[in-house]
Amino acid sequence: MLMSLAADKSKGMTPAAENKEYFMRGLRGEQELCQMLESMIKSIPTSEGERQLLGNICQSSESRQYKIKQRIK
């Protein structure tokens, strides 16, 4: 069912537009991940090790965001 919805949505889109939409969805997901991690760090009591782990995950996400933005340009 999801495949048919995606196919219907992409009808009439050029390959470049499909690619850009794909990367935009990935970028939004990465941004949401960072926001969620940052709110966890601020709102939940965590140990130093947990904060470092969450910070490292967010840092990796920011690297992916940068690379995705370069692909979209």
Protein backbone atom coordinates (compact mmCIF):
# COMPACT_ATOMS: atom_id res chain seq x y z
CA MET A 1 0.00 0.00 0.00
CA LEU A 2 2.81 2.44 0.86
CA MET A 3 4.50 1.73 -2.44
CA SER A 4 1.33 2.55 -4.37
CA LEU A 5 0.88 5.79 -2.40
CA ALA A 6 4.47 6.76 -3.12
CA ALA A 7 4.05 5.88 -6.78
CA ASP A 8 0.88 7.97 -7.03
CA LYS A 9 2.58 10.91 -5.33
CA SER A 10 5.59 10.79 -7.61
CA LYS A 11 3.62 10.68 -10.89
CA GLY A 12 4.59 13.60 -13.02
CA MET A 13 7.73 14.34 -11.02
CA THR A 14 11.05 14.48 -12.79
CA PRO A 15 13.86 12.26 -11.48
CA ALA A 16 15.62 15.36 -10.14
CA ALA A 17 12.49 16.42 -8.24
CA GLU A 18 12.11 12.90 -6.84
CA ASN A 19 15.74 12.93 -5.72
CA LYS A 20 15.36 16.31 -4.06
CA GLU A 21 12.20 15.23 -2.24
CA TYR A 22 13.96 12.06 -1.06
CA PHE A 23 16.85 14.05 0.38
CA MET A 24 14.53 16.67 1.89
CA ARG A 25 12.67 13.92 3.80
CA GLY A 26 16.01 12.58 5.04
CA LEU A 27 17.11 16.05 6.11
CA ARG A 28 13.87 16.63 8.03
CA GLY A 29 14.30 13.28 9.77
CA GLU A 30 17.86 14.12 10.80
CA GLN A 31 16.77 17.54 12.08
CA GLU A 32 13.99 15.95 14.13
CA LEU A 33 16.49 13.46 15.55
CA CYS A 34 18.79 16.26 16.73
CA GLN A 35 15.90 18.20 18.27
CA MET A 36 14.72 15.10 20.10
CA LEU A 37 18.21 14.32 21.41
CA GLU A 38 18.79 17.90 22.55
CA SER A 39 15.48 17.94 24.42
CA MET A 40 16.35 14.62 26.05
CA ILE A 41 19.68 15.98 27.23
CA LYS A 42 17.98 19.05 28.72
CA SER A 43 14.89 17.47 30.26
CA ILE A 44 15.93 14.01 31.47
CA PRO A 45 18.46 13.51 34.26
CA THR A 46 21.38 11.77 32.54
CA SER A 47 24.89 10.79 33.50
CA GLU A 48 27.91 12.35 31.85
CA GLY A 49 28.41 9.23 29.74
CA GLU A 50 24.80 9.33 28.53
CA ARG A 51 25.11 13.02 27.63
CA GLN A 52 28.28 12.28 25.68
CA LEU A 53 26.61 9.39 23.85
CA LEU A 54 23.58 11.49 22.91
CA GLY A 55 25.86 14.38 21.93
CA ASN A 56 27.91 12.08 19.70
CA ILE A 57 24.76 10.79 18.01
CA CYS A 58 23.65 14.38 17.39
CA GLN A 59 27.08 15.32 16.06
CA SER A 60 26.96 12.41 13.60
CA SER A 61 23.48 13.54 12.55
CA GLU A 62 24.73 17.07 11.94
CA SER A 63 27.45 15.67 9.68
CA ARG A 64 24.82 13.77 7.72
CA GLN A 65 22.69 16.93 7.52
CA TYR A 66 25.60 18.84 6.02
CA LYS A 67 26.18 16.14 3.41
CA ILE A 68 22.48 15.98 2.55
CA LYS A 69 22.36 19.76 2.12
CA GLN A 70 25.31 19.53 -0.27
CA ARG A 71 23.43 16.94 -2.34
CA ILE A 72 20.33 19.14 -2.53
CA LYS A 73 22.17 22.20 -3.87
